[in-house]
Amino acid sequence: MPSTAKFEVRVTPDFKEDLLLAAEASGMSLTEFAIRNLRPCIDKVLRREREWQLQEAESLRLVEALRADSEPNEALQAAAKRYKASGLGE
């Protein structure tokens, strides 16, 4: 049998009544209703957090890759000359 953990939540009486009504309308117990409806929210938050972590890691790798080559190549030098000539940097 899988282990379980107890989870308690304090809510207002009106909120609890709404939860009970929603659970009953869905044909579930309050616990089943809460678990079924919390799972998608939890998954969404965790997925978003993982995406942020990946984006941060990728950004750090990009910065490190850019720092690794301290001498600008010909294409970068040419781009810098075009930028300076454009007057946008003033």
PDB file of N, CA and C in Angstrom:
ATOM      1  N   MET A   1       0.847  -1.182   0.000  1.00  0.00           N
ATOM      2  CA  MET A   1       0.000   0.000   0.000  1.00  0.00           C
ATOM      3  C   MET A   1       0.891   1.243   0.000  1.00  0.00           C
ATOM      4  N   PRO A   2       0.634   2.213  -0.897  1.00  0.00           N
ATOM      5  CA  PRO A   2       1.464   3.409  -0.934  1.00  0.00           C
ATOM      6  C   PRO A   2       1.305   4.233   0.335  1.00  0.00           C
ATOM      7  N   SER A   3       2.376   4.866   0.741  1.00  0.00           N
ATOM      8  CA  SER A   3       2.285   5.703   1.935  1.00  0.00           C
ATOM      9  C   SER A   3       1.616   7.022   1.573  1.00  0.00           C
ATOM     10  N   THR A   4       1.043   7.649   2.550  1.00  0.00           N
ATOM     11  CA  THR A   4       0.385   8.937   2.349  1.00  0.00           C
ATOM     12  C   THR A   4       0.827   9.884   3.449  1.00  0.00           C
ATOM     13  N   ALA A   5       0.569  11.150   3.251  1.00  0.00           N
ATOM     14  CA  ALA A   5       0.868  12.159   4.256  1.00  0.00           C
ATOM     15  C   ALA A   5      -0.382  13.005   4.452  1.00  0.00           C
ATOM     16  N   LYS A   6      -0.558  13.462   5.648  1.00  0.00           N
ATOM     17  CA  LYS A   6      -1.718  14.285   5.960  1.00  0.00           C
ATOM     18  C   LYS A   6      -1.429  15.732   5.586  1.00  0.00           C
ATOM     19  N   PHE A   7      -2.430  16.399   5.050  1.00  0.00           N
ATOM     20  CA  PHE A   7      -2.314  17.786   4.623  1.00  0.00           C
ATOM     21  C   PHE A   7      -3.535  18.526   5.156  1.00  0.00           C
ATOM     22  N   GLU A   8      -3.294  19.536   5.969  1.00  0.00           N
ATOM     23  CA  GLU A   8      -4.405  20.300   6.535  1.00  0.00           C
ATOM     24  C   GLU A   8      -4.374  21.718   5.997  1.00  0.00           C
ATOM     25  N   VAL A   9      -5.572  22.261   5.789  1.00  0.00           N
ATOM     26  CA  VAL A   9      -5.695  23.619   5.283  1.00  0.00           C
ATOM     27  C   VAL A   9      -6.759  24.343   6.097  1.00  0.00           C
ATOM     28  N   ARG A  10      -6.467  25.569   6.457  1.00  0.00           N
ATOM     29  CA  ARG A  10      -7.467  26.383   7.139  1.00  0.00           C
ATOM     30  C   ARG A  10      -8.077  27.336   6.119  1.00  0.00           C
ATOM     31  N   VAL A  11      -9.391  27.285   6.014  1.00  0.00           N
ATOM     32  CA  VAL A  11     -10.123  28.150   5.084  1.00  0.00           C
ATOM     33  C   VAL A  11     -11.324  28.728   5.815  1.00  0.00           C
ATOM     34  N   THR A  12     -11.922  29.722   5.211  1.00  0.00           N
ATOM     35  CA  THR A  12     -13.121  30.302   5.816  1.00  0.00           C
ATOM     36  C   THR A  12     -14.269  29.299   5.684  1.00  0.00           C
ATOM     37  N   PRO A  13     -15.252  29.407   6.560  1.00  0.00           N
ATOM     38  CA  PRO A  13     -16.415  28.510   6.451  1.00  0.00           C
ATOM     39  C   PRO A  13     -17.107  28.600   5.090  1.00  0.00           C
ATOM     40  N   ASP A  14     -17.200  29.802   4.528  1.00  0.00           N
ATOM     41  CA  ASP A  14     -17.839  29.958   3.207  1.00  0.00           C
ATOM     42  C   ASP A  14     -17.040  29.231   2.126  1.00  0.00           C
ATOM     43  N   PHE A  15     -15.729  29.344   2.191  1.00  0.00           N
ATOM     44  CA  PHE A  15     -14.886  28.679   1.196  1.00  0.00           C
ATOM     45  C   PHE A  15     -15.026  27.164   1.322  1.00  0.00           C
ATOM     46  N   LYS A  16     -15.059  26.666   2.556  1.00  0.00           N
ATOM     47  CA  LYS A  16     -15.222  25.225   2.753  1.00  0.00           C
ATOM     48  C   LYS A  16     -16.560  24.761   2.210  1.00  0.00           C
ATOM     49  N   GLU A  17     -17.593  25.537   2.444  1.00  0.00           N
ATOM     50  CA  GLU A  17     -18.928  25.184   1.941  1.00  0.00           C
ATOM     51  C   GLU A  17     -18.913  25.115   0.417  1.00  0.00           C
ATOM     52  N   ASP A  18     -18.263  26.091  -0.220  1.00  0.00           N
ATOM     53  CA  ASP A  18     -18.149  26.069  -1.683  1.00  0.00           C
ATOM     54  C   ASP A  18     -17.374  24.843  -2.156  1.00  0.00           C
ATOM     55  N   LEU A  19     -16.299  24.507  -1.456  1.00  0.00           N
ATOM     56  CA  LEU A  19     -15.528  23.305  -1.802  1.00  0.00           C
ATOM     57  C   LEU A  19     -16.393  22.056  -1.706  1.00  0.00           C
ATOM     58  N   LEU A  20     -17.132  21.959  -0.618  1.00  0.00           N
ATOM     59  CA  LEU A  20     -17.995  20.796  -0.430  1.00  0.00           C
ATOM     60  C   LEU A  20     -19.060  20.710  -1.525  1.00  0.00           C
ATOM     61  N   LEU A  21     -19.646  21.850  -1.881  1.00  0.00           N
ATOM     62  CA  LEU A  21     -20.663  21.860  -2.931  1.00  0.00           C
ATOM     63  C   LEU A  21     -20.058  21.467  -4.281  1.00  0.00           C
ATOM     64  N   ALA A  22     -18.870  21.994  -4.572  1.00  0.00           N
ATOM     65  CA  ALA A  22     -18.208  21.661  -5.836  1.00  0.00           C
ATOM     66  C   ALA A  22     -17.826  20.185  -5.873  1.00  0.00           C
ATOM     67  N   ALA A  23     -17.340  19.662  -4.767  1.00  0.00           N
ATOM     68  CA  ALA A  23     -16.972  18.247  -4.704  1.00  0.00           C
ATOM     69  C   ALA A  23     -18.205  17.374  -4.897  1.00  0.00           C
ATOM     70  N   GLU A  24     -19.276  17.723  -4.228  1.00  0.00           N
ATOM     71  CA  GLU A  24     -20.517  16.960  -4.345  1.00  0.00           C
ATOM     72  C   GLU A  24     -21.047  17.012  -5.779  1.00  0.00           C
ATOM     73  N   ALA A  25     -21.005  18.193  -6.383  1.00  0.00           N
ATOM     74  CA  ALA A  25     -21.488  18.339  -7.763  1.00  0.00           C
ATOM     75  C   ALA A  25     -20.637  17.514  -8.730  1.00  0.00           C
ATOM     76  N   SER A  26     -19.372  17.291  -8.370  1.00  0.00           N
ATOM     77  CA  SER A  26     -18.465  16.498  -9.213  1.00  0.00           C
ATOM     78  C   SER A  26     -18.515  15.013  -8.875  1.00  0.00           C
ATOM     79  N   GLY A  27     -19.303  14.655  -7.858  1.00  0.00           N
ATOM     80  CA  GLY A  27     -19.414  13.256  -7.448  1.00  0.00           C
ATOM     81  C   GLY A  27     -18.164  12.744  -6.753  1.00  0.00           C
ATOM     82  N   MET A  28     -17.468  13.635  -6.062  1.00  0.00           N
ATOM     83  CA  MET A  28     -16.231  13.255  -5.373  1.00  0.00           C
ATOM     84  C   MET A  28     -16.290  13.663  -3.909  1.00  0.00           C
ATOM     85  N   SER A  29     -15.404  13.049  -3.151  1.00  0.00           N
ATOM     86  CA  SER A  29     -15.230  13.500  -1.773  1.00  0.00           C
ATOM     87  C   SER A  29     -14.423  14.797  -1.804  1.00  0.00           C
ATOM     88  N   LEU A  30     -14.411  15.502  -0.695  1.00  0.00           N
ATOM     89  CA  LEU A  30     -13.655  16.739  -0.609  1.00  0.00           C
ATOM     90  C   LEU A  30     -12.170  16.482  -0.892  1.00  0.00           C
ATOM     91  N   THR A  31     -11.640  15.400  -0.340  1.00  0.00           N
ATOM     92  CA  THR A  31     -10.232  15.059  -0.556  1.00  0.00           C
ATOM     93  C   THR A  31      -9.963  14.762  -2.026  1.00  0.00           C
ATOM     94  N   GLU A  32     -10.801  13.932  -2.639  1.00  0.00           N
ATOM     95  CA  GLU A  32     -10.625  13.613  -4.067  1.00  0.00           C
ATOM     96  C   GLU A  32     -10.688  14.880  -4.916  1.00  0.00           C
ATOM     97  N   PHE A  33     -11.652  15.737  -4.618  1.00  0.00           N
ATOM     98  CA  PHE A  33     -11.817  16.971  -5.378  1.00  0.00           C
ATOM     99  C   PHE A  33     -10.583  17.861  -5.257  1.00  0.00           C
ATOM    100  N   ALA A  34     -10.100  18.019  -4.034  1.00  0.00           N
ATOM    101  CA  ALA A  34      -8.925  18.870  -3.808  1.00  0.00           C
ATOM    102  C   ALA A  34      -7.705  18.314  -4.539  1.00  0.00           C
ATOM    103  N   ILE A  35      -7.468  17.024  -4.414  1.00  0.00           N
ATOM    104  CA  ILE A  35      -6.301  16.414  -5.055  1.00  0.00           C
ATOM    105  C   ILE A  35      -6.394  16.525  -6.567  1.00  0.00           C
ATOM    106  N   ARG A  36      -7.546  16.180  -7.123  1.00  0.00           N
ATOM    107  CA  ARG A  36      -7.709  16.230  -8.582  1.00  0.00           C
ATOM    108  C   ARG A  36      -7.547  17.624  -9.146  1.00  0.00           C
ATOM    109  N   ASN A  37      -8.000  18.626  -8.400  1.00  0.00           N
ATOM    110  CA  ASN A  37      -7.943  19.993  -8.904  1.00  0.00           C
ATOM    111  C   ASN A  37      -6.643  20.707  -8.560  1.00  0.00           C
ATOM    112  N   LEU A  38      -5.948  20.265  -7.549  1.00  0.00           N
ATOM    113  CA  LEU A  38      -4.652  20.850  -7.221  1.00  0.00           C
ATOM    114  C   LEU A  38      -3.546  20.337  -8.129  1.00  0.00           C
ATOM    115  N   ARG A  39      -3.646  19.078  -8.550  1.00  0.00           N
ATOM    116  CA  ARG A  39      -2.575  18.464  -9.354  1.00  0.00           C
ATOM    117  C   ARG A  39      -2.231  19.282 -10.601  1.00  0.00           C
ATOM    118  N   PRO A  40      -3.206  19.711 -11.417  1.00  0.00           N
ATOM    119  CA  PRO A  40      -2.855  20.502 -12.602  1.00  0.00           C
ATOM    120  C   PRO A  40      -2.175  21.830 -12.255  1.00  0.00           C
ATOM    121  N   CYS A  41      -2.605  22.450 -11.163  1.00  0.00           N
ATOM    122  CA  CYS A  41      -1.980  23.708 -10.735  1.00  0.00           C
ATOM    123  C   CYS A  41      -0.534  23.481 -10.309  1.00  0.00           C
ATOM    124  N   ILE A  42      -0.311  22.427  -9.566  1.00  0.00           N
ATOM    125  CA  ILE A  42       1.038  22.091  -9.119  1.00  0.00           C
ATOM    126  C   ILE A  42       1.927  21.811 -10.318  1.00  0.00           C
ATOM    127  N   ASP A  43       1.432  21.013 -11.250  1.00  0.00           N
ATOM    128  CA  ASP A  43       2.210  20.672 -12.445  1.00  0.00           C
ATOM    129  C   ASP A  43       2.568  21.926 -13.244  1.00  0.00           C
ATOM    130  N   LYS A  44       1.625  22.843 -13.373  1.00  0.00           N
ATOM    131  CA  LYS A  44       1.862  24.070 -14.135  1.00  0.00           C
ATOM    132  C   LYS A  44       2.960  24.917 -13.488  1.00  0.00           C
ATOM    133  N   VAL A  45       2.881  25.088 -12.178  1.00  0.00           N
ATOM    134  CA  VAL A  45       3.883  25.892 -11.468  1.00  0.00           C
ATOM    135  C   VAL A  45       5.256  25.243 -11.565  1.00  0.00           C
ATOM    136  N   LEU A  46       5.326  23.934 -11.358  1.00  0.00           N
ATOM    137  CA  LEU A  46       6.617  23.245 -11.420  1.00  0.00           C
ATOM    138  C   LEU A  46       7.196  23.259 -12.828  1.00  0.00           C
ATOM    139  N   ARG A  47       6.351  23.104 -13.832  1.00  0.00           N
ATOM    140  CA  ARG A  47       6.821  23.156 -15.225  1.00  0.00           C
ATOM    141  C   ARG A  47       7.389  24.541 -15.539  1.00  0.00           C
ATOM    142  N   ARG A  48       6.675  25.584 -15.110  1.00  0.00           N
ATOM    143  CA  ARG A  48       7.141  26.958 -15.333  1.00  0.00           C
ATOM    144  C   ARG A  48       8.471  27.200 -14.619  1.00  0.00           C
ATOM    145  N   GLU A  49       8.595  26.700 -13.410  1.00  0.00           N
ATOM    146  CA  GLU A  49       9.841  26.855 -12.648  1.00  0.00           C
ATOM    147  C   GLU A  49      10.994  26.144 -13.347  1.00  0.00           C
ATOM    148  N   ARG A  50      10.753  24.943 -13.851  1.00  0.00           N
ATOM    149  CA  ARG A  50      11.802  24.208 -14.572  1.00  0.00           C
ATOM    150  C   ARG A  50      12.210  24.945 -15.833  1.00  0.00           C
ATOM    151  N   GLU A  51      11.227  25.541 -16.536  1.00  0.00           N
ATOM    152  CA  GLU A  51      11.543  26.311 -17.741  1.00  0.00           C
ATOM    153  C   GLU A  51      12.416  27.507 -17.400  1.00  0.00           C
ATOM    154  N   TRP A  52      12.109  28.199 -16.302  1.00  0.00           N
ATOM    155  CA  TRP A  52      12.924  29.337 -15.882  1.00  0.00           C
ATOM    156  C   TRP A  52      14.336  28.883 -15.553  1.00  0.00           C
ATOM    157  N   GLN A  53      14.453  27.765 -14.876  1.00  0.00           N
ATOM    158  CA  GLN A  53      15.776  27.253 -14.523  1.00  0.00           C
ATOM    159  C   GLN A  53      16.565  26.920 -15.784  1.00  0.00           C
ATOM    160  N   LEU A  54      15.912  26.308 -16.767  1.00  0.00           N
ATOM    161  CA  LEU A  54      16.586  25.990 -18.025  1.00  0.00           C
ATOM    162  C   LEU A  54      17.005  27.263 -18.747  1.00  0.00           C
ATOM    163  N   GLN A  55      16.123  28.239 -18.778  1.00  0.00           N
ATOM    164  CA  GLN A  55      16.456  29.491 -19.453  1.00  0.00           C
ATOM    165  C   GLN A  55      17.636  30.176 -18.772  1.00  0.00           C
ATOM    166  N   GLU A  56      17.673  30.135 -17.451  1.00  0.00           N
ATOM    167  CA  GLU A  56      18.775  30.746 -16.720  1.00  0.00           C
ATOM    168  C   GLU A  56      20.081  30.011 -17.033  1.00  0.00           C
ATOM    169  N   ALA A  57      20.027  28.687 -17.031  1.00  0.00           N
ATOM    170  CA  ALA A  57      21.225  27.897 -17.321  1.00  0.00           C
ATOM    171  C   ALA A  57      21.716  28.158 -18.739  1.00  0.00           C
ATOM    172  N   GLU A  58      20.778  28.238 -19.686  1.00  0.00           N
ATOM    173  CA  GLU A  58      21.157  28.507 -21.072  1.00  0.00           C
ATOM    174  C   GLU A  58      21.752  29.897 -21.213  1.00  0.00           C
ATOM    175  N   SER A  59      21.201  30.868 -20.510  1.00  0.00           N
ATOM    176  CA  SER A  59      21.727  32.232 -20.554  1.00  0.00           C
ATOM    177  C   SER A  59      23.143  32.279 -20.003  1.00  0.00           C
ATOM    178  N   LEU A  60      23.368  31.580 -18.908  1.00  0.00           N
ATOM    179  CA  LEU A  60      24.715  31.556 -18.322  1.00  0.00           C
ATOM    180  C   LEU A  60      25.706  30.895 -19.270  1.00  0.00           C
ATOM    181  N   ARG A  61      25.280  29.818 -19.945  1.00  0.00           N
ATOM    182  CA  ARG A  61      26.163  29.171 -20.929  1.00  0.00           C
ATOM    183  C   ARG A  61      26.484  30.118 -22.079  1.00  0.00           C
ATOM    184  N   LEU A  62      25.500  30.885 -22.525  1.00  0.00           N
ATOM    185  CA  LEU A  62      25.723  31.836 -23.604  1.00  0.00           C
ATOM    186  C   LEU A  62      26.729  32.901 -23.179  1.00  0.00           C
ATOM    187  N   VAL A  63      26.561  33.440 -21.986  1.00  0.00           N
ATOM    188  CA  VAL A  63      27.493  34.463 -21.493  1.00  0.00           C
ATOM    189  C   VAL A  63      28.902  33.887 -21.415  1.00  0.00           C
ATOM    190  N   GLU A  64      29.016  32.698 -20.889  1.00  0.00           N
ATOM    191  CA  GLU A  64      30.341  32.074 -20.800  1.00  0.00           C
ATOM    192  C   GLU A  64      30.941  31.831 -22.179  1.00  0.00           C
ATOM    193  N   ALA A  65      30.126  31.432 -23.131  1.00  0.00           N
ATOM    194  CA  ALA A  65      30.621  31.203 -24.492  1.00  0.00           C
ATOM    195  C   ALA A  65      31.086  32.511 -25.118  1.00  0.00           C
ATOM    196  N   LEU A  66      30.362  33.584 -24.859  1.00  0.00           N
ATOM    197  CA  LEU A  66      30.759  34.875 -25.408  1.00  0.00           C
ATOM    198  C   LEU A  66      32.034  35.396 -24.759  1.00  0.00           C
ATOM    199  N   ARG A  67      32.197  35.110 -23.479  1.00  0.00           N
ATOM    200  CA  ARG A  67      33.396  35.558 -22.769  1.00  0.00           C
ATOM    201  C   ARG A  67      34.629  34.757 -23.164  1.00  0.00           C
ATOM    202  N   ALA A  68      34.428  33.524 -23.573  1.00  0.00           N
ATOM    203  CA  ALA A  68      35.545  32.628 -23.849  1.00  0.00           C
ATOM    204  C   ALA A  68      36.428  33.160 -24.976  1.00  0.00           C
ATOM    205  N   ASP A  69      35.854  33.827 -25.947  1.00  0.00           N
ATOM    206  CA  ASP A  69      36.616  34.347 -27.079  1.00  0.00           C
ATOM    207  C   ASP A  69      36.762  35.848 -26.879  1.00  0.00           C
ATOM    208  N   SER A  70      37.876  36.271 -26.267  1.00  0.00           N
ATOM    209  CA  SER A  70      38.027  37.678 -25.903  1.00  0.00           C
ATOM    210  C   SER A  70      38.365  38.580 -27.091  1.00  0.00           C
ATOM    211  N   GLU A  71      38.864  38.035 -28.176  1.00  0.00           N
ATOM    212  CA  GLU A  71      39.203  38.830 -29.352  1.00  0.00           C
ATOM    213  C   GLU A  71      38.025  38.817 -30.332  1.00  0.00           C
ATOM    214  N   PRO A  72      37.535  40.004 -30.717  1.00  0.00           N
ATOM    215  CA  PRO A  72      36.435  40.031 -31.683  1.00  0.00           C
ATOM    216  C   PRO A  72      36.894  39.557 -33.061  1.00  0.00           C
ATOM    217  N   ASN A  73      36.062  38.793 -33.720  1.00  0.00           N
ATOM    218  CA  ASN A  73      36.396  38.322 -35.063  1.00  0.00           C
ATOM    219  C   ASN A  73      36.088  39.419 -36.085  1.00  0.00           C
ATOM    220  N   GLU A  74      36.391  39.150 -37.346  1.00  0.00           N
ATOM    221  CA  GLU A  74      36.220  40.162 -38.400  1.00  0.00           C
ATOM    222  C   GLU A  74      34.765  40.598 -38.536  1.00  0.00           C
ATOM    223  N   ALA A  75      33.849  39.650 -38.438  1.00  0.00           N
ATOM    224  CA  ALA A  75      32.430  39.988 -38.589  1.00  0.00           C
ATOM    225  C   ALA A  75      31.985  40.931 -37.475  1.00  0.00           C
ATOM    226  N   LEU A  76      32.435  40.683 -36.265  1.00  0.00           N
ATOM    227  CA  LEU A  76      32.069  41.551 -35.145  1.00  0.00           C
ATOM    228  C   LEU A  76      32.695  42.933 -35.298  1.00  0.00           C
ATOM    229  N   GLN A  77      33.929  42.982 -35.741  1.00  0.00           N
ATOM    230  CA  GLN A  77      34.590  44.272 -35.963  1.00  0.00           C
ATOM    231  C   GLN A  77      33.862  45.073 -37.043  1.00  0.00           C
ATOM    232  N   ALA A  78      33.460  44.403 -38.121  1.00  0.00           N
ATOM    233  CA  ALA A  78      32.738  45.077 -39.198  1.00  0.00           C
ATOM    234  C   ALA A  78      31.386  45.591 -38.700  1.00  0.00           C
ATOM    235  N   ALA A  79      30.716  44.794 -37.883  1.00  0.00           N
ATOM    236  CA  ALA A  79      29.418  45.209 -37.336  1.00  0.00           C
ATOM    237  C   ALA A  79      29.596  46.426 -36.433  1.00  0.00           C
ATOM    238  N   ALA A  80      30.654  46.451 -35.642  1.00  0.00           N
ATOM    239  CA  ALA A  80      30.919  47.593 -34.764  1.00  0.00           C
ATOM    240  C   ALA A  80      31.174  48.855 -35.587  1.00  0.00           C
ATOM    241  N   LYS A  81      31.912  48.727 -36.681  1.00  0.00           N
ATOM    242  CA  LYS A  81      32.181  49.885 -37.550  1.00  0.00           C
ATOM    243  C   LYS A  81      30.879  50.407 -38.159  1.00  0.00           C
ATOM    244  N   ARG A  82      30.009  49.493 -38.614  1.00  0.00           N
ATOM    245  CA  ARG A  82      28.719  49.910 -39.201  1.00  0.00           C
ATOM    246  C   ARG A  82      27.858  50.619 -38.143  1.00  0.00           C
ATOM    247  N   TYR A  83      27.875  50.092 -36.932  1.00  0.00           N
ATOM    248  CA  TYR A  83      27.091  50.689 -35.850  1.00  0.00           C
ATOM    249  C   TYR A  83      27.588  52.098 -35.552  1.00  0.00           C
ATOM    250  N   LYS A  84      28.902  52.246 -35.445  1.00  0.00           N
ATOM    251  CA  LYS A  84      29.467  53.568 -35.163  1.00  0.00           C
ATOM    252  C   LYS A  84      29.161  54.552 -36.292  1.00  0.00           C
ATOM    253  N   ALA A  85      29.260  54.071 -37.522  1.00  0.00           N
ATOM    254  CA  ALA A  85      28.995  54.928 -38.677  1.00  0.00           C
ATOM    255  C   ALA A  85      27.522  55.318 -38.775  1.00  0.00           C
ATOM    256  N   SER A  86      26.636  54.511 -38.216  1.00  0.00           N
ATOM    257  CA  SER A  86      25.199  54.780 -38.318  1.00  0.00           C
ATOM    258  C   SER A  86      24.771  55.951 -37.432  1.00  0.00           C
ATOM    259  N   GLY A  87      25.575  56.278 -36.437  1.00  0.00           N
ATOM    260  CA  GLY A  87      25.228  57.353 -35.528  1.00  0.00           C
ATOM    261  C   GLY A  87      24.263  56.940 -34.431  1.00  0.00           C
ATOM    262  N   LEU A  88      23.905  55.657 -34.376  1.00  0.00           N
ATOM    263  CA  LEU A  88      22.954  55.178 -33.343  1.00  0.00           C
ATOM    264  C   LEU A  88      23.581  55.139 -31.958  1.00  0.00           C
ATOM    265  N   GLY A  89      24.868  55.056 -31.878  1.00  0.00           N
ATOM    266  CA  GLY A  89      25.545  54.924 -30.588  1.00  0.00           C
ATOM    267  C   GLY A  89      25.781  56.256 -29.887  1.00  0.00           C
ATOM    268  N   GLU A  90      25.309  57.332 -30.448  1.00  0.00           N
ATOM    269  CA  GLU A  90      25.566  58.672 -29.846  1.00  0.00           C
ATOM    270  C   GLU A  90      24.495  59.060 -28.882  1.00  0.00           C
TER     271      GLU A  90
END
